[in-house]
């Protein structure tokens, strides 16, 4: 319940921000800020996968 409430508070309307952007530099910042967390999470997931795949203590 608390998680859904926090998610509701954190919802960002990107289209609204783009429409009210003062210049194109702001739009670029919004796009980078939107996609960067996902790229970061994918990089962490790949790192964990790679480390788990190359463990030497597992006998295959």
Foldseek 3Di string as FASTA:
>chain_A
DVVVVVVVVPDDDLVVCVVPPPDVVSNVVSVCVVCVVVVVVVVVVVVVVVCVVPDPPDDD
